[in-house]
Amino acid sequence: MKDLDFKPVKTRGQFLSNYEKHDPALAKVKMYFRQRQFTVIDYGPDRRNERIWGDNRPDLLIWKPYYWLALLDAKGHSGDIWMLNKRAYDDYLGYSRHHKIPVFCIWVNLETGQIYYAELPFLDVDNDFMPHDKNKVVKTKNAKRIDSLIERLRMTTFEDKNNGQGEDELLDMPFE
């Protein structure tokens, strides 16, 4: 993580307006998983009021005694747009490798309430550039409806997940 040592393209107000879509999407994703009996833990710290950049963490950790199931990042959009900031995408892949668990981007269409997901790395990466904020983004066309992810996570067993994690890691609730 680094101090913000450059002048951002977006104003502070424009930057914070991103959270007008993110916050309701995150709340919906948390509720969705909790209603289906998953333990949902905040993973990525809320850094909207800090002048820093880098070290992008996914929003949530799905935990099942006694192991981590997946990391999730919630995105709110007003259409079926499945993209992710390139810096975040790369950071999330690093967390996936480090923890040896999958990372999923979860998109909530705020107009329809539909929820979609894609596992990183995307199988059909389409890189793009957003001229309004000069961010590189990664897009996918292969987002799936969330119910298939729920079934996949429910079927994951301890034997599936004991993928090199030490005994101590498996027994502790993760709060790093």
Protein backbone atom coordinates (compact mmCIF):
# COMPACT_ATOMS: atom_id res chain seq x y z
CA MET A 1 0.00 0.00 0.00
CA LYS A 2 1.30 3.46 -0.87
CA ASP A 3 0.45 7.03 0.00
CA LEU A 4 -1.46 8.70 -2.79
CA ASP A 5 1.44 10.62 -4.34
CA PHE A 6 -0.28 11.82 -7.52
CA LYS A 7 -3.26 13.97 -8.38
CA PRO A 8 -6.24 11.71 -9.08
CA VAL A 9 -8.31 12.25 -12.21
CA LYS A 10 -11.53 12.00 -10.21
CA THR A 11 -12.53 14.58 -7.66
CA ARG A 12 -13.11 13.37 -4.12
CA GLY A 13 -16.87 13.58 -4.73
CA GLN A 14 -16.62 11.55 -7.93
CA PHE A 15 -14.52 8.94 -6.15
CA LEU A 16 -16.97 8.66 -3.25
CA SER A 17 -19.92 8.41 -5.64
CA ASN A 18 -18.60 4.95 -6.60
CA TYR A 19 -19.69 3.81 -3.16
CA GLU A 20 -23.30 4.77 -3.87
CA LYS A 21 -23.40 1.59 -5.96
CA HIS A 22 -20.86 -0.45 -4.02
CA ASP A 23 -22.46 -0.17 -0.57
CA PRO A 24 -25.94 -1.46 -1.50
CA ALA A 25 -24.35 -4.22 -3.62
CA LEU A 26 -22.14 -5.30 -0.72
CA ALA A 27 -25.10 -5.31 1.67
CA LYS A 28 -27.12 -7.45 -0.75
CA VAL A 29 -24.26 -9.94 -1.22
CA LYS A 30 -23.75 -10.27 2.55
CA MET A 31 -27.46 -10.80 3.12
CA TYR A 32 -27.69 -13.30 0.26
CA PHE A 33 -24.90 -15.51 1.63
CA ARG A 34 -26.02 -15.22 5.27
CA GLN A 35 -29.58 -16.21 4.35
CA ARG A 36 -28.08 -19.36 2.86
CA GLN A 37 -26.26 -20.19 6.11
CA PHE A 38 -22.75 -19.10 5.12
CA THR A 39 -20.47 -17.30 7.58
CA VAL A 40 -19.56 -13.98 5.97
CA ILE A 41 -16.61 -12.02 7.34
CA ASP A 42 -15.48 -8.55 6.27
CA TYR A 43 -12.05 -9.07 4.74
CA GLY A 44 -10.98 -5.96 2.84
CA PRO A 45 -10.79 -2.83 4.98
CA ASP A 46 -12.89 0.18 4.00
CA ARG A 47 -10.30 2.70 2.86
CA ARG A 48 -12.52 5.22 1.11
CA ASN A 49 -11.40 7.99 3.47
CA GLU A 50 -7.68 7.30 3.21
CA ARG A 51 -5.43 8.87 0.60
CA ILE A 52 -3.71 5.63 -0.35
CA TRP A 53 -3.72 3.19 -3.22
CA GLY A 54 -2.65 -0.38 -3.79
CA ASP A 55 -3.19 -3.55 -1.77
CA ASN A 56 -6.75 -4.02 -3.00
CA ARG A 57 -8.42 -6.76 -0.98
CA PRO A 58 -11.69 -8.49 -1.80
CA ASP A 59 -14.58 -7.32 0.40
CA LEU A 60 -15.57 -10.59 2.03
CA LEU A 61 -14.37 -13.95 3.21
CA ILE A 62 -16.69 -16.94 3.23
CA TRP A 63 -15.67 -19.16 6.13
CA LYS A 64 -16.78 -22.65 7.05
CA PRO A 65 -15.53 -24.27 10.22
CA TYR A 66 -12.59 -24.90 9.99
CA TYR A 67 -11.42 -23.46 6.75
CA TRP A 68 -11.72 -20.59 4.32
CA LEU A 69 -14.03 -21.25 1.38
CA ALA A 70 -13.60 -18.21 -0.84
CA LEU A 71 -12.95 -14.50 -1.08
CA LEU A 72 -15.66 -12.33 -2.65
CA ASP A 73 -15.65 -8.81 -4.03
CA ALA A 74 -18.97 -7.04 -4.57
CA LYS A 75 -19.64 -4.66 -7.44
CA GLY A 76 -22.81 -2.66 -8.02
CA HIS A 77 -23.83 -1.70 -11.54
CA SER A 78 -26.91 -0.36 -13.24
CA GLY A 79 -26.76 -2.96 -16.00
CA ASP A 80 -25.23 -6.30 -16.85
CA ILE A 81 -21.66 -5.00 -16.89
CA TRP A 82 -19.06 -7.46 -15.68
CA MET A 83 -15.79 -5.64 -15.21
CA LEU A 84 -13.19 -5.05 -12.55
CA ASN A 85 -10.38 -2.54 -12.10
CA LYS A 86 -7.14 -4.10 -13.43
CA ARG A 87 -5.11 -3.23 -10.31
CA ALA A 88 -7.73 -4.86 -8.08
CA TYR A 89 -7.93 -7.89 -10.40
CA ASP A 90 -4.17 -8.45 -10.13
CA ASP A 91 -4.18 -7.95 -6.34
CA TYR A 92 -7.10 -10.38 -5.91
CA LEU A 93 -5.24 -13.04 -7.89
CA GLY A 94 -2.34 -12.59 -5.48
CA TYR A 95 -4.63 -13.17 -2.49
CA SER A 96 -6.06 -16.25 -4.19
CA ARG A 97 -2.57 -17.70 -4.67
CA HIS A 98 -1.46 -16.74 -1.15
CA HIS A 99 -4.46 -18.28 0.63
CA LYS A 100 -4.94 -21.11 -1.89
CA ILE A 101 -8.64 -20.35 -2.23
CA PRO A 102 -10.76 -19.02 -5.09
CA VAL A 103 -11.71 -15.37 -5.48
CA PHE A 104 -15.05 -14.47 -7.02
CA CYS A 105 -16.23 -11.13 -8.29
CA ILE A 106 -19.94 -10.73 -7.52
CA TRP A 107 -21.93 -8.22 -9.56
CA VAL A 108 -25.29 -6.92 -8.45
CA ASN A 109 -27.47 -5.32 -11.11
CA LEU A 110 -29.00 -2.58 -8.97
CA GLU A 111 -31.87 -2.07 -11.41
CA THR A 112 -33.05 -5.69 -11.53
CA GLY A 113 -31.58 -7.09 -8.29
CA GLN A 114 -30.02 -9.98 -10.23
CA ILE A 115 -26.68 -11.26 -8.92
CA TYR A 116 -23.94 -12.74 -11.10
CA TYR A 117 -20.42 -13.95 -10.45
CA ALA A 118 -17.20 -14.97 -12.17
CA GLU A 119 -14.17 -16.71 -10.72
CA LEU A 120 -10.77 -15.12 -11.14
CA PRO A 121 -8.84 -15.44 -13.32
CA PHE A 122 -11.49 -14.75 -15.93
CA LEU A 123 -11.43 -17.27 -18.74
CA ASP A 124 -12.19 -14.66 -21.40
CA VAL A 125 -10.23 -11.58 -20.37
CA ASP A 126 -11.04 -8.44 -22.32
CA ASN A 127 -8.84 -5.52 -21.29
CA ASP A 128 -10.23 -2.04 -21.70
CA PHE A 129 -9.50 1.53 -20.70
CA MET A 130 -12.02 3.82 -19.06
CA PRO A 131 -11.38 7.33 -20.39
CA HIS A 132 -13.47 9.06 -17.71
CA ASP A 133 -11.13 7.96 -14.90
CA LYS A 134 -8.09 6.62 -16.82
CA ASN A 135 -8.39 3.19 -15.20
CA LYS A 136 -7.58 -0.04 -16.93
CA VAL A 137 -10.31 -2.62 -16.45
CA VAL A 138 -10.70 -6.33 -17.05
CA LYS A 139 -14.02 -7.51 -18.47
CA THR A 140 -15.64 -10.89 -18.86
CA LYS A 141 -18.66 -12.11 -20.79
CA ASN A 142 -18.91 -15.35 -18.80
CA ALA A 143 -20.61 -14.23 -15.59
CA LYS A 144 -23.00 -16.82 -14.20
CA ARG A 145 -26.06 -16.59 -11.98
CA ILE A 146 -25.18 -16.70 -8.30
CA ASP A 147 -27.14 -19.85 -7.47
CA SER A 148 -24.54 -22.05 -9.17
CA LEU A 149 -21.83 -20.58 -6.91
CA ILE A 150 -23.93 -21.27 -3.83
CA GLU A 151 -24.22 -24.94 -4.80
CA ARG A 152 -20.51 -25.17 -5.51
CA LEU A 153 -19.57 -23.72 -2.12
CA ARG A 154 -22.08 -25.93 -0.29
CA MET A 155 -20.54 -29.03 -1.83
CA THR A 156 -16.99 -28.07 -0.79
CA THR A 157 -15.79 -30.36 1.99
CA PHE A 158 -12.96 -30.19 4.48
CA GLU A 159 -11.03 -32.74 2.43
CA ASP A 160 -11.41 -30.53 -0.66
CA LYS A 161 -10.14 -27.47 1.17
CA ASN A 162 -7.20 -28.86 3.19
CA ASN A 163 -4.92 -27.63 0.46
CA GLY A 164 -1.66 -27.15 2.26
CA GLN A 165 -2.97 -24.87 5.00
CA GLY A 166 -1.36 -25.55 8.37
CA GLU A 167 -3.45 -26.99 11.21
CA ASP A 168 -3.37 -23.65 13.09
CA GLU A 169 -4.65 -21.74 10.07
CA LEU A 170 -7.56 -24.13 9.66
CA LEU A 171 -8.75 -23.85 13.25
CA ASP A 172 -8.69 -20.07 13.66
CA MET A 173 -11.27 -17.61 12.43
CA PRO A 174 -9.38 -15.46 9.94
CA PHE A 175 -9.05 -11.78 10.79
CA GLU A 176 -5.84 -10.71 9.08
